[in-house]
C-alpha atoms as a PDB file:
ATOM      1  CA  MET A   1       0.000   0.000   0.000  1.00  0.00           C
ATOM      2  CA  GLY A   2       2.853   2.330  -0.762  1.00  0.00           C
ATOM      3  CA  GLY A   3       4.176   2.502   2.796  1.00  0.00           C
ATOM      4  CA  LYS A   4       0.899   3.810   4.215  1.00  0.00           C
ATOM      5  CA  PRO A   5      -0.081   2.576   7.681  1.00  0.00           C
ATOM      6  CA  CYS A   6      -2.472  -0.348   7.330  1.00  0.00           C
ATOM      7  CA  ILE A   7      -4.863  -2.147   9.621  1.00  0.00           C
ATOM      8  CA  ARG A   8      -3.253  -5.360  10.918  1.00  0.00           C
ATOM      9  CA  GLY A   9      -1.287  -5.804   7.694  1.00  0.00           C
ATOM     10  CA  MET A  10      -4.443  -5.859   5.560  1.00  0.00           C
ATOM     11  CA  ARG A  11      -4.976  -3.801   2.426  1.00  0.00           C
ATOM     12  CA  VAL A  12      -7.053  -1.280   4.370  1.00  0.00           C
ATOM     13  CA  THR A  13      -5.222   1.902   5.302  1.00  0.00           C
ATOM     14  CA  VAL A  14      -5.715   4.128   8.306  1.00  0.00           C
ATOM     15  CA  GLY A  15      -6.417   6.926   5.833  1.00  0.00           C
ATOM     16  CA  MET A  16      -9.254   4.976   4.206  1.00  0.00           C
ATOM     17  CA  ILE A  17     -10.910   4.458   7.581  1.00  0.00           C
ATOM     18  CA  VAL A  18     -10.510   8.052   8.767  1.00  0.00           C
ATOM     19  CA  GLU A  19     -11.642   9.453   5.419  1.00  0.00           C
ATOM     20  CA  ALA A  20     -14.761   7.257   5.402  1.00  0.00           C
ATOM     21  CA  LEU A  21     -15.680   8.333   8.936  1.00  0.00           C
ATOM     22  CA  ALA A  22     -15.095  12.005   8.056  1.00  0.00           C
ATOM     23  CA  ALA A  23     -17.438  11.568   5.084  1.00  0.00           C
ATOM     24  CA  GLY A  24     -20.193  10.429   7.424  1.00  0.00           C
ATOM     25  CA  ARG A  25     -19.922   6.645   7.328  1.00  0.00           C
ATOM     26  CA  THR A  26     -20.626   4.959  10.641  1.00  0.00           C
ATOM     27  CA  ILE A  27     -18.566   2.264  12.298  1.00  0.00           C
ATOM     28  CA  ASP A  28     -21.359  -0.217  11.558  1.00  0.00           C
ATOM     29  CA  GLN A  29     -21.300   0.742   7.880  1.00  0.00           C
ATOM     30  CA  LEU A  30     -17.529   0.296   7.752  1.00  0.00           C
ATOM     31  CA  LEU A  31     -17.806  -3.107   9.390  1.00  0.00           C
ATOM     32  CA  ALA A  32     -20.369  -4.085   6.746  1.00  0.00           C
ATOM     33  CA  ASP A  33     -18.093  -2.755   3.965  1.00  0.00           C
ATOM     34  CA  PHE A  34     -15.051  -4.551   5.382  1.00  0.00           C
ATOM     35  CA  PRO A  35     -16.376  -7.677   7.147  1.00  0.00           C
ATOM     36  CA  TYR A  36     -12.849  -8.827   8.025  1.00  0.00           C
ATOM     37  CA  LEU A  37     -12.323  -5.736  10.224  1.00  0.00           C
ATOM     38  CA  GLU A  38     -13.280  -5.520  13.861  1.00  0.00           C
ATOM     39  CA  GLU A  39     -14.564  -2.462  15.686  1.00  0.00           C
ATOM     40  CA  GLN A  40     -11.284  -2.278  17.613  1.00  0.00           C
ATOM     41  CA  ASP A  41      -9.410  -1.958  14.292  1.00  0.00           C
ATOM     42  CA  ILE A  42     -11.393   1.182  13.497  1.00  0.00           C
ATOM     43  CA  ARG A  43     -10.846   2.618  16.962  1.00  0.00           C
ATOM     44  CA  GLU A  44      -7.099   1.941  16.715  1.00  0.00           C
ATOM     45  CA  ALA A  45      -7.013   3.690  13.324  1.00  0.00           C
ATOM     46  CA  LEU A  46      -8.645   6.747  14.896  1.00  0.00           C
ATOM     47  CA  ALA A  47      -6.227   6.677  17.826  1.00  0.00           C
ATOM     48  CA  PHE A  48      -3.274   6.440  15.422  1.00  0.00           C
ATOM     49  CA  ALA A  49      -4.559   9.403  13.390  1.00  0.00           C
ATOM     50  CA  ALA A  50      -5.149  11.416  16.560  1.00  0.00           C
ATOM     51  CA  ARG A  51      -1.591  10.823  17.769  1.00  0.00           C
ATOM     52  CA  LEU A  52      -0.216  11.938  14.399  1.00  0.00           C
ATOM     53  CA  ALA A  53      -2.441  15.036  14.366  1.00  0.00           C
ATOM     54  CA  GLN A  54      -1.136  15.980  17.814  1.00  0.00           C
ATOM     55  CA  GLY A  55       2.431  15.725  16.588  1.00  0.00           C
ATOM     56  CA  HIS A  56       3.326  12.620  18.580  1.00  0.00           C
ATOM     57  CA  GLU A  57       5.802  10.131  17.205  1.00  0.00           C
ATOM     58  CA  VAL A  58       4.075   6.852  16.451  1.00  0.00           C
ATOM     59  CA  PRO A  59       6.216   3.695  16.448  1.00  0.00           C
ATOM     60  CA  LEU A  60       5.207   1.229  13.742  1.00  0.00           C
ATOM     61  CA  ALA A  61       5.401  -2.534  13.944  1.00  0.00           C
ATOM     62  CA  SER A  62       7.852  -4.053  11.514  1.00  0.00           C
END
């Protein structure tokens, strides 16, 4: 995915999740769109984006 942060190594990026939520999609709609995701994945994506927006360094798993 071009080095973008992904959800648990899947082909779903943090940006895709945050963008969908910003556009008005709900967590339930995202879970229906991506049945292999769990609610915690979405919450972790939001937490990751929040840390970046606050200027915190975010360690990535290798």
